[in-house]
Amino acid sequence: MKLATIFLVTLLLFPSIQLNASEPQIIAGPYLQNINSTTVTIMWITDEATENNIVRWGSMELENAINATEGKIHEARIEGLEPCKRYYYAVESDGAKSKIYSFVTTGCRNLSFIIYGDTRGVWDSWRNASIVASAIEKENASFVIHAGDIVRNGGSEKQWITFFQISSWMHNKSMFAAVGNHDLPYSSFSTYLSLPGNERWYSFYEGDVQFIALDSNDASNLTQFLWLMNELSKESKWKIVIFHHPCLISGYHIPSLPLKLWMLLFHLKGVDAVFMGHQHYYQHMKVGKVHYIITGGGGAPLYSAGWSPWNVFSRTAFHYCRVFAGSKLKIAAVSVDGEVMEEFMIS
């Protein structure tokens, strides 16, 4: 009883003794989401819930600050930025601080971006997904689009954290994504990412390009189909559609009837290129004027590419696609060792 009294008095007289507990740690990120010419979302994850979460940012120094959400997953939206300008930022959670990173807002004269899919690297402890991520980090791209199956099990917090940890390019490049079957449930997908619209299907514009991301897990959804019809009726020089399950294929998974109806819309509404995942290889197919690209070489175990009557080129390899949008749409499939496996232009 006497010892307990002494201990209590000591704590009251020297309250700093209570502060020796370990500080929280930033275990994933910070990573960028939903960037455009004037805004960007910054997210990060801590190993425990924190209350005081801040993003410090600026064009020269970190002269500005904005609060982020509490808990373990933190999110802050910065607005009022200038197009095509570099900004610097760092994040802080209850004393835990990140390094200083930077990003460039969109709206630049030249638009280049990366599209790839199927990173879910649990099978090899994320080895090949890490190699692909390192190759993407070297690219000078405005942003990156993921065609789905980011993780193997969407309900696993550990897998999402690992993906962000190996994807260090996300410190400086924003990622948009289409939801894959392995990314389900939707609640997890929307928890770890911050995307436009309802996050399952959405569109955004950059320069002369209209980007449309769809949820092929729910391809028969009439609301999504009617929304797609409306979006494809809008004017743009280039129309690019991204979703996970291929509507045209050479093996393994057979396309569903709703996906075939999507194809009809693509042809009627003048879509230029459709990027898909799900099949773990690279394949370029063409029907009419529409180019269909399967880019599922982000790190998941590879499949044999096979052949189809619509096939233009295919290769079984870990890879990503580099796209440049100008007077023409230039698309290159790049292996992790830098080899341009295929390159073609749409005019």
Protein backbone atom coordinates (compact mmCIF):
# COMPACT_ATOMS: atom_id res chain seq x y z
CA MET A 1 0.00 0.00 0.00
CA LYS A 2 2.88 2.33 0.87
CA LEU A 3 4.65 1.59 -2.45
CA ALA A 4 1.45 2.29 -4.41
CA THR A 5 1.09 5.67 -2.66
CA ILE A 6 4.70 6.59 -3.47
CA PHE A 7 4.18 5.60 -7.13
CA LEU A 8 1.03 7.72 -7.40
CA VAL A 9 2.70 10.76 -5.83
CA THR A 10 5.67 10.36 -8.22
CA LEU A 11 3.38 10.40 -11.25
CA LEU A 12 1.63 13.53 -10.00
CA LEU A 13 4.89 15.37 -9.31
CA PHE A 14 6.65 14.19 -12.51
CA PRO A 15 3.96 13.78 -15.20
CA SER A 16 6.60 13.58 -17.99
CA ILE A 17 7.34 10.06 -16.82
CA GLN A 18 4.01 9.04 -18.39
CA LEU A 19 5.16 10.20 -21.83
CA ASN A 20 7.79 7.55 -22.33
CA ALA A 21 5.45 5.32 -24.31
CA SER A 22 6.55 4.78 -27.92
CA GLU A 23 5.28 7.23 -30.53
CA PRO A 24 2.97 6.07 -33.31
CA GLN A 25 4.58 5.02 -36.57
CA ILE A 26 3.63 5.85 -40.16
CA ILE A 27 3.48 2.38 -41.69
CA ALA A 28 2.14 3.20 -45.17
CA GLY A 29 2.45 6.29 -47.30
CA PRO A 30 1.98 9.12 -47.53
CA TYR A 31 0.42 8.34 -50.90
CA LEU A 32 -1.37 10.54 -53.44
CA GLN A 33 -4.92 10.17 -54.71
CA ASN A 34 -7.35 11.88 -57.07
CA ILE A 35 -4.99 14.55 -58.39
CA ASN A 36 -5.99 17.17 -60.95
CA SER A 37 -4.79 20.63 -61.96
CA THR A 38 -5.91 22.36 -58.74
CA THR A 39 -6.41 19.69 -56.05
CA VAL A 40 -4.86 16.55 -54.61
CA THR A 41 -5.73 14.10 -51.82
CA ILE A 42 -2.97 12.88 -49.50
CA MET A 43 -3.43 9.71 -47.43
CA TRP A 44 -1.32 7.71 -45.01
CA ILE A 45 -1.71 4.94 -42.41
CA THR A 46 -0.39 4.77 -38.86
CA ASP A 47 0.04 1.69 -36.67
CA GLU A 48 -2.38 3.10 -34.10
CA ALA A 49 -5.16 5.66 -33.98
CA THR A 50 -3.91 9.24 -33.78
CA GLU A 51 -5.68 12.54 -33.12
CA ASN A 52 -3.41 15.32 -34.40
CA ASN A 53 -2.82 14.64 -38.09
CA ILE A 54 -1.42 17.37 -40.30
CA VAL A 55 -0.25 17.83 -43.89
CA ARG A 56 2.31 20.60 -44.31
CA TRP A 57 2.80 21.77 -47.89
CA GLY A 58 3.96 24.57 -50.16
CA SER A 59 5.54 25.43 -53.49
CA MET A 60 8.89 26.48 -52.01
CA GLU A 61 8.71 25.68 -48.31
CA LEU A 62 6.13 23.89 -46.19
CA GLU A 63 4.44 27.18 -45.33
CA ASN A 64 0.86 25.84 -45.34
CA ALA A 65 -0.88 23.30 -43.11
CA ILE A 66 -4.15 21.41 -43.24
CA ASN A 67 -5.68 18.94 -40.80
CA ALA A 68 -6.36 15.33 -41.80
CA THR A 69 -8.83 12.76 -40.51
CA GLU A 70 -8.31 11.01 -37.17
CA GLY A 71 -7.96 7.25 -36.61
CA LYS A 72 -5.41 4.99 -38.34
CA ILE A 73 -6.17 5.92 -41.96
CA HIS A 74 -5.66 9.62 -42.60
CA GLU A 75 -6.90 11.73 -45.50
CA ALA A 76 -6.63 15.41 -46.41
CA ARG A 77 -7.72 17.25 -49.58
CA ILE A 78 -5.61 20.25 -50.64
CA GLU A 79 -7.37 22.74 -52.92
CA GLY A 80 -6.49 25.97 -54.69
CA LEU A 81 -3.30 24.70 -56.34
CA GLU A 82 -1.94 25.94 -59.66
CA PRO A 83 -1.85 23.75 -62.80
CA CYS A 84 1.39 22.08 -63.83
CA LYS A 85 3.29 23.18 -60.75
CA ARG A 86 5.49 21.29 -58.32
CA TYR A 87 4.55 21.28 -54.64
CA TYR A 88 6.30 19.81 -51.61
CA TYR A 89 4.64 18.15 -48.65
CA ALA A 90 5.13 16.12 -45.48
CA VAL A 91 2.69 14.56 -43.04
CA GLU A 92 2.62 14.30 -39.26
CA SER A 93 0.62 12.17 -36.80
CA ASP A 94 0.93 12.78 -33.06
CA GLY A 95 4.64 13.56 -33.42
CA ALA A 96 5.47 10.95 -36.06
CA LYS A 97 6.75 12.74 -39.19
CA SER A 98 7.29 11.63 -42.77
CA LYS A 99 10.05 12.72 -45.13
CA ILE A 100 9.39 15.61 -47.50
CA TYR A 101 8.00 14.51 -50.86
CA SER A 102 6.77 16.36 -53.93
CA PHE A 103 4.19 16.14 -56.71
CA VAL A 104 3.29 18.04 -59.87
CA THR A 105 -0.33 18.99 -60.49
CA THR A 106 -1.81 18.06 -63.86
CA GLY A 107 -2.67 20.54 -66.58
CA CYS A 108 0.74 20.44 -68.26
CA ARG A 109 0.96 20.72 -72.01
CA ASN A 110 2.11 17.13 -72.44
CA LEU A 111 0.11 14.35 -70.78
CA SER A 112 1.78 11.03 -70.05
CA PHE A 113 0.49 8.35 -67.71
CA ILE A 114 0.96 4.71 -66.75
CA ILE A 115 -1.66 1.93 -66.80
CA TYR A 116 -1.11 -1.53 -65.30
CA GLY A 117 -2.95 -4.17 -63.28
CA ASP A 118 -2.91 -7.31 -61.12
CA THR A 119 -0.22 -6.51 -58.58
CA ARG A 120 -1.55 -8.93 -55.94
CA GLY A 121 1.85 -10.26 -54.95
CA VAL A 122 1.16 -12.49 -51.95
CA TRP A 123 2.16 -15.63 -53.89
CA ASP A 124 5.86 -14.56 -54.05
CA SER A 125 5.96 -12.20 -51.05
CA TRP A 126 5.42 -9.25 -53.43
CA ARG A 127 8.78 -9.76 -55.13
CA ASN A 128 7.70 -9.23 -58.75
CA ALA A 129 5.15 -6.55 -57.83
CA SER A 130 8.04 -4.66 -56.18
CA ILE A 131 10.13 -4.97 -59.36
CA VAL A 132 7.29 -3.56 -61.47
CA ALA A 133 6.74 -0.76 -58.95
CA SER A 134 10.44 0.18 -59.07
CA ALA A 135 10.27 0.39 -62.87
CA ILE A 136 7.17 2.62 -62.70
CA GLU A 137 8.90 4.93 -60.21
CA LYS A 138 11.50 5.80 -62.87
CA GLU A 139 8.83 6.97 -65.32
CA ASN A 140 8.05 10.66 -65.70
CA ALA A 141 4.27 10.22 -65.60
CA SER A 142 1.49 12.61 -64.58
CA PHE A 143 -0.33 9.80 -62.73
CA VAL A 144 -0.85 6.02 -62.69
CA ILE A 145 -4.04 4.03 -63.35
CA HIS A 146 -4.51 0.53 -61.88
CA ALA A 147 -6.76 -1.91 -63.73
CA GLY A 148 -7.72 -3.82 -60.58
CA ASP A 149 -6.65 -6.71 -58.33
CA ILE A 150 -4.40 -4.44 -56.34
CA VAL A 151 -4.26 -7.02 -53.54
CA ARG A 152 -5.06 -10.74 -53.24
CA ASN A 153 -7.64 -10.32 -50.48
CA GLY A 154 -9.37 -6.95 -50.25
CA GLY A 155 -10.38 -7.64 -46.66
CA SER A 156 -6.75 -7.92 -45.53
CA GLU A 157 -5.38 -4.70 -44.02
CA LYS A 158 -1.89 -6.18 -44.15
CA GLN A 159 -2.03 -6.65 -47.93
CA TRP A 160 -3.15 -3.07 -48.59
CA ILE A 161 -0.38 -1.77 -46.35
CA THR A 162 2.18 -3.95 -48.13
CA PHE A 163 1.03 -2.67 -51.52
CA PHE A 164 1.51 0.93 -50.43
CA GLN A 165 4.90 0.09 -48.90
CA ILE A 166 6.28 -1.46 -52.09
CA SER A 167 4.74 1.26 -54.29
CA SER A 168 7.02 4.09 -53.26
CA TRP A 169 6.13 5.88 -56.52
CA MET A 170 2.84 6.78 -54.80
CA HIS A 171 4.69 9.36 -52.69
CA ASN A 172 5.02 11.45 -55.86
CA LYS A 173 2.44 10.11 -58.34
CA SER A 174 -1.31 9.81 -57.81
CA MET A 175 -3.04 6.49 -58.46
CA PHE A 176 -6.52 6.08 -59.93
CA ALA A 177 -7.95 2.55 -59.93
CA ALA A 178 -10.71 0.29 -61.21
CA VAL A 179 -11.96 -2.24 -58.68
CA GLY A 180 -10.96 -5.86 -59.28
CA ASN A 181 -12.60 -9.01 -57.94
CA HIS A 182 -9.77 -9.54 -55.45
CA ASP A 183 -10.13 -5.97 -54.17
CA LEU A 184 -13.58 -6.70 -52.75
CA PRO A 185 -15.35 -5.96 -50.45
CA TYR A 186 -16.16 -2.49 -51.73
CA SER A 187 -15.91 -1.12 -48.22
CA SER A 188 -12.17 -1.94 -48.13
CA PHE A 189 -11.55 -0.57 -51.62
CA SER A 190 -13.12 2.76 -50.70
CA THR A 191 -11.43 2.84 -47.28
CA TYR A 192 -7.86 2.67 -48.55
CA LEU A 193 -8.40 4.73 -51.71
CA SER A 194 -10.00 8.11 -52.41
CA LEU A 195 -11.39 8.25 -55.94
CA PRO A 196 -13.82 10.46 -57.88
CA GLY A 197 -17.58 9.87 -58.09
CA ASN A 198 -18.90 6.87 -56.21
CA GLU A 199 -15.42 5.26 -56.53
CA ARG A 200 -16.83 2.13 -58.20
CA TRP A 201 -17.43 3.87 -61.53
CA TYR A 202 -16.37 7.40 -62.33
CA SER A 203 -14.85 9.64 -64.99
CA PHE A 204 -12.36 12.48 -65.11
CA TYR A 205 -10.79 14.66 -67.77
CA GLU A 206 -7.18 15.60 -68.36
CA GLY A 207 -6.42 17.75 -71.37
CA ASP A 208 -8.03 16.20 -74.43
CA VAL A 209 -8.60 12.83 -72.73
CA GLN A 210 -11.75 11.53 -71.08
CA PHE A 211 -11.00 8.68 -68.65
CA ILE A 212 -13.80 6.32 -67.62
CA ALA A 213 -13.29 3.71 -64.88
CA LEU A 214 -15.92 0.97 -64.56
CA ASP A 215 -16.82 -1.77 -62.09
CA SER A 216 -16.81 -5.01 -64.10
CA ASN A 217 -17.68 -7.00 -60.94
CA ASP A 218 -21.15 -5.54 -61.38
CA ALA A 219 -21.33 -5.26 -65.17
CA SER A 220 -25.07 -6.05 -65.26
CA ASN A 221 -25.88 -3.03 -63.06
CA LEU A 222 -28.38 -0.97 -65.08
CA THR A 223 -27.51 2.25 -63.25
CA GLN A 224 -23.87 1.87 -64.23
CA PHE A 225 -24.82 1.05 -67.86
CA LEU A 226 -27.03 4.15 -68.21
CA TRP A 227 -24.34 6.28 -66.59
CA LEU A 228 -21.80 4.87 -69.07
CA MET A 229 -24.06 5.72 -72.02
CA ASN A 230 -24.31 9.29 -70.80
CA GLU A 231 -20.57 9.67 -70.19
CA LEU A 232 -19.66 8.30 -73.62
CA SER A 233 -21.98 10.86 -75.22
CA LYS A 234 -19.79 13.70 -73.94
CA GLU A 235 -17.31 15.31 -76.30
CA SER A 236 -13.58 14.64 -76.02
CA LYS A 237 -10.72 14.08 -78.45
CA TRP A 238 -9.69 10.80 -76.83
CA LYS A 239 -11.83 8.32 -74.89
CA ILE A 240 -10.06 5.77 -72.67
CA VAL A 241 -11.97 3.18 -70.63
CA ILE A 242 -10.49 1.10 -67.79
CA PHE A 243 -11.99 -1.88 -65.96
CA HIS A 244 -10.84 -5.24 -64.64
CA HIS A 245 -12.51 -8.20 -66.39
CA PRO A 246 -11.75 -8.39 -70.13
CA CYS A 247 -14.64 -8.17 -72.58
CA LEU A 248 -12.42 -9.74 -75.25
CA ILE A 249 -10.03 -12.53 -74.46
CA SER A 250 -7.90 -15.43 -75.67
CA GLY A 251 -8.21 -17.88 -72.78
CA TYR A 252 -9.05 -18.77 -69.16
CA HIS A 253 -11.90 -16.44 -68.22
CA ILE A 254 -14.89 -16.18 -70.55
CA PRO A 255 -16.42 -12.67 -70.93
CA SER A 256 -19.96 -12.22 -69.64
CA LEU A 257 -22.88 -10.99 -71.79
CA PRO A 258 -23.03 -7.55 -70.06
CA LEU A 259 -19.38 -7.00 -71.00
CA LYS A 260 -20.29 -7.71 -74.62
CA LEU A 261 -22.96 -5.00 -74.37
CA TRP A 262 -20.29 -2.63 -73.08
CA MET A 263 -18.29 -3.44 -76.22
CA LEU A 264 -21.24 -2.39 -78.37
CA LEU A 265 -21.30 0.98 -76.64
CA PHE A 266 -17.57 1.40 -77.12
CA HIS A 267 -17.95 0.93 -80.86
CA LEU A 268 -21.01 3.14 -81.19
CA LYS A 269 -19.58 5.97 -79.07
CA GLY A 270 -16.07 6.13 -80.52
CA VAL A 271 -13.92 4.80 -77.68
CA ASP A 272 -10.25 4.75 -78.69
CA ALA A 273 -8.69 2.35 -76.18
CA VAL A 274 -9.95 -0.04 -73.49
CA PHE A 275 -7.50 -1.20 -70.78
CA MET A 276 -8.27 -4.31 -68.72
CA GLY A 277 -6.57 -6.73 -66.32
CA HIS A 278 -7.57 -10.09 -64.78
CA GLN A 279 -5.46 -12.07 -67.27
CA HIS A 280 -1.85 -12.04 -66.13
CA TYR A 281 -0.10 -11.14 -69.37
CA TYR A 282 0.02 -8.43 -72.03
CA GLN A 283 -2.27 -8.62 -75.02
CA HIS A 284 -3.28 -6.08 -77.65
CA MET A 285 -6.43 -6.82 -79.65
CA LYS A 286 -8.39 -4.73 -82.10
CA VAL A 287 -12.02 -4.91 -83.24
CA GLY A 288 -13.07 -2.24 -85.70
CA LYS A 289 -11.42 1.00 -84.56
CA VAL A 290 -11.30 0.10 -80.87
CA HIS A 291 -8.04 -1.12 -79.32
CA TYR A 292 -8.37 -3.56 -76.40
CA ILE A 293 -5.33 -3.94 -74.14
CA ILE A 294 -4.96 -6.48 -71.36
CA THR A 295 -2.27 -5.30 -68.96
CA GLY A 296 -2.24 -7.82 -66.13
CA GLY A 297 1.51 -8.11 -65.60
CA GLY A 298 1.82 -6.06 -62.41
CA GLY A 299 3.15 -8.86 -60.19
CA ALA A 300 0.55 -11.66 -59.98
CA PRO A 301 1.60 -15.15 -61.27
CA LEU A 302 1.80 -15.04 -65.05
CA TYR A 303 -0.52 -16.91 -67.46
CA SER A 304 0.12 -18.03 -71.02
CA ALA A 305 -1.04 -15.25 -73.34
CA GLY A 306 -2.70 -17.54 -75.89
CA TRP A 307 -4.14 -16.35 -79.19
CA SER A 308 -7.39 -14.93 -80.52
CA PRO A 309 -8.66 -13.91 -83.99
CA TRP A 310 -8.47 -10.26 -82.85
CA ASN A 311 -4.90 -10.54 -81.62
CA VAL A 312 -2.38 -7.90 -82.71
CA PHE A 313 0.40 -8.70 -80.23
CA SER A 314 0.78 -10.64 -76.98
CA ARG A 315 3.55 -11.46 -74.53
CA THR A 316 3.70 -13.26 -71.20
CA ALA A 317 5.75 -10.88 -69.07
CA PHE A 318 5.68 -8.58 -66.07
CA HIS A 319 5.08 -5.13 -67.51
CA TYR A 320 3.15 -1.86 -67.55
CA CYS A 321 1.80 0.41 -70.29
CA ARG A 322 3.12 3.91 -70.94
CA VAL A 323 0.67 6.26 -72.70
CA PHE A 324 1.30 9.68 -74.23
CA ALA A 325 -1.64 11.80 -75.33
CA GLY A 326 -1.04 14.57 -77.85
CA SER A 327 -2.00 14.96 -81.49
CA LYS A 328 -1.89 11.15 -81.48
CA LEU A 329 -2.35 8.57 -78.73
CA LYS A 330 0.94 6.71 -78.32
CA ILE A 331 0.85 3.46 -76.33
CA ALA A 332 3.87 1.37 -75.37
CA ALA A 333 3.99 -1.90 -73.43
CA VAL A 334 7.19 -1.88 -71.36
CA SER A 335 8.74 -4.88 -69.61
CA VAL A 336 10.37 -4.48 -66.19
CA ASP A 337 13.85 -4.47 -67.75
CA GLY A 338 12.92 -1.50 -69.93
CA GLU A 339 12.26 -3.34 -73.19
CA VAL A 340 9.46 -1.83 -75.28
CA MET A 341 7.60 -5.02 -76.16
CA GLU A 342 5.11 -3.26 -78.42
CA GLU A 343 4.45 0.32 -79.42
CA PHE A 344 1.62 1.68 -81.52
CA MET A 345 -0.22 4.92 -82.21
CA ILE A 346 -3.88 5.83 -82.61
CA SER A 347 -4.70 8.84 -84.77
